[in-house]
PDB file of N, CA and C in Angstrom:
ATOM      1  N   GLU A   1     -16.814 -24.382  21.135  1.00  0.00           N
ATOM      2  CA  GLU A   1     -17.519 -24.708  22.353  1.00  0.00           C
ATOM      3  C   GLU A   1     -18.590 -25.759  22.109  1.00  0.00           C
ATOM      4  N   ALA A   2     -19.196 -25.734  20.945  1.00  0.00           N
ATOM      5  CA  ALA A   2     -20.267 -26.688  20.652  1.00  0.00           C
ATOM      6  C   ALA A   2     -19.764 -28.122  20.704  1.00  0.00           C
ATOM      7  N   PHE A   3     -18.498 -28.323  20.382  1.00  0.00           N
ATOM      8  CA  PHE A   3     -17.959 -29.675  20.358  1.00  0.00           C
ATOM      9  C   PHE A   3     -17.250 -30.048  21.655  1.00  0.00           C
ATOM     10  N   SER A   4     -17.192 -29.155  22.608  1.00  0.00           N
ATOM     11  CA  SER A   4     -16.478 -29.411  23.855  1.00  0.00           C
ATOM     12  C   SER A   4     -16.874 -30.715  24.534  1.00  0.00           C
ATOM     13  N   PRO A   5     -18.170 -31.037  24.639  1.00  0.00           N
ATOM     14  CA  PRO A   5     -18.526 -32.303  25.293  1.00  0.00           C
ATOM     15  C   PRO A   5     -17.953 -33.530  24.573  1.00  0.00           C
ATOM     16  N   PHE A   6     -17.709 -33.408  23.275  1.00  0.00           N
ATOM     17  CA  PHE A   6     -17.206 -34.538  22.498  1.00  0.00           C
ATOM     18  C   PHE A   6     -15.697 -34.477  22.299  1.00  0.00           C
ATOM     19  N   ASN A   7     -15.104 -33.412  22.782  1.00  0.00           N
ATOM     20  CA  ASN A   7     -13.696 -33.149  22.520  1.00  0.00           C
ATOM     21  C   ASN A   7     -12.895 -33.095  23.815  1.00  0.00           C
ATOM     22  N   LYS A   8     -13.113 -34.055  24.669  1.00  0.00           N
ATOM     23  CA  LYS A   8     -12.464 -34.029  25.979  1.00  0.00           C
ATOM     24  C   LYS A   8     -10.939 -34.147  25.892  1.00  0.00           C
ATOM     25  N   ASP A   9     -10.440 -34.829  24.874  1.00  0.00           N
ATOM     26  CA  ASP A   9      -8.986 -34.972  24.752  1.00  0.00           C
ATOM     27  C   ASP A   9      -8.372 -33.946  23.793  1.00  0.00           C
ATOM     28  N   HIS A  10      -9.165 -32.975  23.350  1.00  0.00           N
ATOM     29  CA  HIS A  10      -8.710 -31.855  22.511  1.00  0.00           C
ATOM     30  C   HIS A  10      -8.102 -32.303  21.180  1.00  0.00           C
ATOM     31  N   ARG A  11      -8.586 -33.406  20.654  1.00  0.00           N
ATOM     32  CA  ARG A  11      -8.072 -33.893  19.379  1.00  0.00           C
ATOM     33  C   ARG A  11      -8.926 -33.423  18.208  1.00  0.00           C
ATOM     34  N   PHE A  12     -10.134 -32.948  18.470  1.00  0.00           N
ATOM     35  CA  PHE A  12     -11.044 -32.585  17.377  1.00  0.00           C
ATOM     36  C   PHE A  12     -10.433 -31.540  16.452  1.00  0.00           C
ATOM     37  N   LEU A  13      -9.869 -30.482  17.021  1.00  0.00           N
ATOM     38  CA  LEU A  13      -9.299 -29.419  16.188  1.00  0.00           C
ATOM     39  C   LEU A  13      -8.113 -29.909  15.375  1.00  0.00           C
ATOM     40  N   SER A  14      -7.310 -30.772  15.953  1.00  0.00           N
ATOM     41  CA  SER A  14      -6.177 -31.276  15.177  1.00  0.00           C
ATOM     42  C   SER A  14      -6.659 -32.169  14.044  1.00  0.00           C
ATOM     43  N   ILE A  15      -7.715 -32.928  14.260  1.00  0.00           N
ATOM     44  CA  ILE A  15      -8.280 -33.758  13.194  1.00  0.00           C
ATOM     45  C   ILE A  15      -8.852 -32.873  12.099  1.00  0.00           C
ATOM     46  N   VAL A  16      -9.580 -31.838  12.480  1.00  0.00           N
ATOM     47  CA  VAL A  16     -10.145 -30.913  11.497  1.00  0.00           C
ATOM     48  C   VAL A  16      -9.029 -30.230  10.711  1.00  0.00           C
ATOM     49  N   SER A  17      -7.967 -29.831  11.373  1.00  0.00           N
ATOM     50  CA  SER A  17      -6.875 -29.160  10.664  1.00  0.00           C
ATOM     51  C   SER A  17      -6.184 -30.113   9.691  1.00  0.00           C
ATOM     52  N   ILE A  18      -6.040 -31.377  10.060  1.00  0.00           N
ATOM     53  CA  ILE A  18      -5.445 -32.364   9.152  1.00  0.00           C
ATOM     54  C   ILE A  18      -6.322 -32.536   7.922  1.00  0.00           C
ATOM     55  N   ILE A  19      -7.618 -32.647   8.137  1.00  0.00           N
ATOM     56  CA  ILE A  19      -8.548 -32.804   7.016  1.00  0.00           C
ATOM     57  C   ILE A  19      -8.515 -31.563   6.135  1.00  0.00           C
ATOM     58  N   SER A  20      -8.498 -30.389   6.741  1.00  0.00           N
ATOM     59  CA  SER A  20      -8.461 -29.142   5.970  1.00  0.00           C
ATOM     60  C   SER A  20      -7.199 -29.052   5.128  1.00  0.00           C
ATOM     61  N   ARG A  21      -6.067 -29.358   5.729  1.00  0.00           N
ATOM     62  CA  ARG A  21      -4.804 -29.313   4.977  1.00  0.00           C
ATOM     63  C   ARG A  21      -4.824 -30.313   3.836  1.00  0.00           C
ATOM     64  N   SER A  22      -5.365 -31.486   4.096  1.00  0.00           N
ATOM     65  CA  SER A  22      -5.443 -32.506   3.057  1.00  0.00           C
ATOM     66  C   SER A  22      -6.297 -32.024   1.896  1.00  0.00           C
ATOM     67  N   TYR A  23      -7.421 -31.386   2.206  1.00  0.00           N
ATOM     68  CA  TYR A  23      -8.299 -30.872   1.153  1.00  0.00           C
ATOM     69  C   TYR A  23      -7.596 -29.785   0.346  1.00  0.00           C
ATOM     70  N   VAL A  24      -6.922 -28.888   1.024  1.00  0.00           N
ATOM     71  CA  VAL A  24      -6.219 -27.801   0.333  1.00  0.00           C
ATOM     72  C   VAL A  24      -5.134 -28.373  -0.568  1.00  0.00           C
ATOM     73  N   LEU A  25      -4.368 -29.324  -0.059  1.00  0.00           N
ATOM     74  CA  LEU A  25      -3.306 -29.911  -0.869  1.00  0.00           C
ATOM     75  C   LEU A  25      -3.863 -30.631  -2.080  1.00  0.00           C
ATOM     76  N   SER A  26      -4.956 -31.369  -1.893  1.00  0.00           N
ATOM     77  CA  SER A  26      -5.527 -32.073  -3.043  1.00  0.00           C
ATOM     78  C   SER A  26      -6.104 -31.078  -4.038  1.00  0.00           C
ATOM     79  N   SER A  27      -6.633 -29.966  -3.553  1.00  0.00           N
ATOM     80  CA  SER A  27      -7.140 -28.928  -4.452  1.00  0.00           C
ATOM     81  C   SER A  27      -6.001 -28.314  -5.253  1.00  0.00           C
ATOM     82  N   LEU A  28      -4.898 -28.032  -4.583  1.00  0.00           N
ATOM     83  CA  LEU A  28      -3.738 -27.475  -5.272  1.00  0.00           C
ATOM     84  C   LEU A  28      -3.209 -28.453  -6.308  1.00  0.00           C
ATOM     85  N   GLU A  29      -3.163 -29.728  -5.942  1.00  0.00           N
ATOM     86  CA  GLU A  29      -2.678 -30.735  -6.882  1.00  0.00           C
ATOM     87  C   GLU A  29      -3.590 -30.819  -8.100  1.00  0.00           C
ATOM     88  N   ALA A  30      -4.897 -30.761  -7.875  1.00  0.00           N
ATOM     89  CA  ALA A  30      -5.846 -30.798  -8.990  1.00  0.00           C
ATOM     90  C   ALA A  30      -5.663 -29.576  -9.889  1.00  0.00           C
ATOM     91  N   ASP A  31      -5.451 -28.407  -9.287  1.00  0.00           N
ATOM     92  CA  ASP A  31      -5.204 -27.192 -10.073  1.00  0.00           C
ATOM     93  C   ASP A  31      -3.937 -27.337 -10.910  1.00  0.00           C
ATOM     94  N   LEU A  32      -2.885 -27.884 -10.302  1.00  0.00           N
ATOM     95  CA  LEU A  32      -1.633 -28.064 -11.033  1.00  0.00           C
ATOM     96  C   LEU A  32      -1.802 -29.043 -12.187  1.00  0.00           C
ATOM     97  N   GLN A  33      -2.575 -30.097 -11.976  1.00  0.00           N
ATOM     98  CA  GLN A  33      -2.820 -31.050 -13.057  1.00  0.00           C
ATOM     99  C   GLN A  33      -3.608 -30.395 -14.187  1.00  0.00           C
ATOM    100  N   GLU A  34      -4.571 -29.555 -13.829  1.00  0.00           N
ATOM    101  CA  GLU A  34      -5.350 -28.848 -14.848  1.00  0.00           C
ATOM    102  C   GLU A  34      -4.458 -27.895 -15.643  1.00  0.00           C
ATOM    103  N   ILE A  35      -3.578 -27.198 -14.948  1.00  0.00           N
ATOM    104  CA  ILE A  35      -2.643 -26.300 -15.628  1.00  0.00           C
ATOM    105  C   ILE A  35      -1.770 -27.105 -16.586  1.00  0.00           C
ATOM    106  N   GLN A  36      -1.272 -28.235 -16.119  1.00  0.00           N
ATOM    107  CA  GLN A  36      -0.394 -29.054 -16.948  1.00  0.00           C
ATOM    108  C   GLN A  36      -1.116 -29.530 -18.206  1.00  0.00           C
ATOM    109  N   GLN A  37      -2.392 -29.837 -18.103  1.00  0.00           N
ATOM    110  CA  GLN A  37      -3.151 -30.283 -19.265  1.00  0.00           C
ATOM    111  C   GLN A  37      -3.351 -29.152 -20.270  1.00  0.00           C
ATOM    112  N   LYS A  38      -3.409 -27.916 -19.787  1.00  0.00           N
ATOM    113  CA  LYS A  38      -3.673 -26.777 -20.662  1.00  0.00           C
ATOM    114  C   LYS A  38      -2.429 -26.257 -21.370  1.00  0.00           C
ATOM    115  N   ILE A  39      -1.268 -26.578 -20.847  1.00  0.00           N
ATOM    116  CA  ILE A  39      -0.041 -26.036 -21.425  1.00  0.00           C
ATOM    117  C   ILE A  39       0.926 -27.168 -21.739  1.00  0.00           C
ATOM    118  N   SER A  40       1.942 -26.851 -22.491  1.00  0.00           N
ATOM    119  CA  SER A  40       2.955 -27.863 -22.797  1.00  0.00           C
ATOM    120  C   SER A  40       3.756 -28.187 -21.539  1.00  0.00           C
ATOM    121  N   HIS A  41       4.602 -29.183 -21.638  1.00  0.00           N
ATOM    122  CA  HIS A  41       5.370 -29.617 -20.468  1.00  0.00           C
ATOM    123  C   HIS A  41       6.449 -28.620 -20.062  1.00  0.00           C
ATOM    124  N   THR A  42       6.882 -27.779 -20.978  1.00  0.00           N
ATOM    125  CA  THR A  42       7.859 -26.748 -20.630  1.00  0.00           C
ATOM    126  C   THR A  42       7.295 -25.390 -21.023  1.00  0.00           C
ATOM    127  N   ILE A  43       7.377 -24.459 -20.097  1.00  0.00           N
ATOM    128  CA  ILE A  43       6.871 -23.109 -20.345  1.00  0.00           C
ATOM    129  C   ILE A  43       7.855 -22.102 -19.777  1.00  0.00           C
ATOM    130  N   ASP A  44       7.771 -20.897 -20.281  1.00  0.00           N
ATOM    131  CA  ASP A  44       8.588 -19.841 -19.703  1.00  0.00           C
ATOM    132  C   ASP A  44       7.825 -19.216 -18.534  1.00  0.00           C
ATOM    133  N   PHE A  45       8.526 -18.412 -17.765  1.00  0.00           N
ATOM    134  CA  PHE A  45       7.926 -17.843 -16.563  1.00  0.00           C
ATOM    135  C   PHE A  45       6.727 -16.962 -16.875  1.00  0.00           C
ATOM    136  N   ASP A  46       6.810 -16.154 -17.918  1.00  0.00           N
ATOM    137  CA  ASP A  46       5.707 -15.246 -18.256  1.00  0.00           C
ATOM    138  C   ASP A  46       4.419 -16.019 -18.537  1.00  0.00           C
ATOM    139  N   THR A  47       4.533 -17.126 -19.264  1.00  0.00           N
ATOM    140  CA  THR A  47       3.355 -17.948 -19.551  1.00  0.00           C
ATOM    141  C   THR A  47       2.814 -18.552 -18.267  1.00  0.00           C
ATOM    142  N   PHE A  48       3.711 -19.091 -17.430  1.00  0.00           N
ATOM    143  CA  PHE A  48       3.287 -19.654 -16.152  1.00  0.00           C
ATOM    144  C   PHE A  48       2.564 -18.607 -15.314  1.00  0.00           C
ATOM    145  N   PHE A  49       3.116 -17.410 -15.269  1.00  0.00           N
ATOM    146  CA  PHE A  49       2.530 -16.345 -14.461  1.00  0.00           C
ATOM    147  C   PHE A  49       1.115 -16.013 -14.932  1.00  0.00           C
ATOM    148  N   LYS A  50       0.914 -15.939 -16.244  1.00  0.00           N
ATOM    149  CA  LYS A  50      -0.422 -15.652 -16.785  1.00  0.00           C
ATOM    150  C   LYS A  50      -1.416 -16.745 -16.415  1.00  0.00           C
ATOM    151  N   VAL A  51      -0.999 -17.997 -16.535  1.00  0.00           N
ATOM    152  CA  VAL A  51      -1.881 -19.118 -16.185  1.00  0.00           C
ATOM    153  C   VAL A  51      -2.186 -19.092 -14.692  1.00  0.00           C
ATOM    154  N   ALA A  52      -1.164 -18.855 -13.871  1.00  0.00           N
ATOM    155  CA  ALA A  52      -1.359 -18.809 -12.422  1.00  0.00           C
ATOM    156  C   ALA A  52      -2.316 -17.689 -12.029  1.00  0.00           C
ATOM    157  N   GLN A  53      -2.228 -16.553 -12.684  1.00  0.00           N
ATOM    158  CA  GLN A  53      -3.136 -15.439 -12.390  1.00  0.00           C
ATOM    159  C   GLN A  53      -4.578 -15.824 -12.700  1.00  0.00           C
ATOM    160  N   ASN A  54      -4.791 -16.569 -13.776  1.00  0.00           N
ATOM    161  CA  ASN A  54      -6.144 -17.020 -14.113  1.00  0.00           C
ATOM    162  C   ASN A  54      -6.708 -17.920 -13.032  1.00  0.00           C
ATOM    163  N   PHE A  55      -5.885 -18.813 -12.474  1.00  0.00           N
ATOM    164  CA  PHE A  55      -6.356 -19.704 -11.423  1.00  0.00           C
ATOM    165  C   PHE A  55      -6.556 -18.951 -10.117  1.00  0.00           C
ATOM    166  N   LYS A  56      -5.734 -17.945  -9.880  1.00  0.00           N
ATOM    167  CA  LYS A  56      -5.858 -17.154  -8.653  1.00  0.00           C
ATOM    168  C   LYS A  56      -7.193 -16.419  -8.613  1.00  0.00           C
ATOM    169  N   SER A  57      -7.681 -16.013  -9.768  1.00  0.00           N
ATOM    170  CA  SER A  57      -8.923 -15.241  -9.817  1.00  0.00           C
ATOM    171  C   SER A  57     -10.166 -16.113  -9.678  1.00  0.00           C
ATOM    172  N   LYS A  58     -10.009 -17.429  -9.713  1.00  0.00           N
ATOM    173  CA  LYS A  58     -11.169 -18.334  -9.582  1.00  0.00           C
ATOM    174  C   LYS A  58     -11.696 -18.362  -8.181  1.00  0.00           C
TER     175      LYS A  58
END
């Protein structure tokens, strides 16, 4: 409601959602790059799962 006077064409929320999705995707990409730096290029599932659990807890 606070943005209603500035949001007459109802585009504000869609712009915010695009920005939010972009931030989340870039965050995920950064996490994946960090994981890749910490482990070799090929890993088994158990190793991947352990690394993923560590990132999930952050």
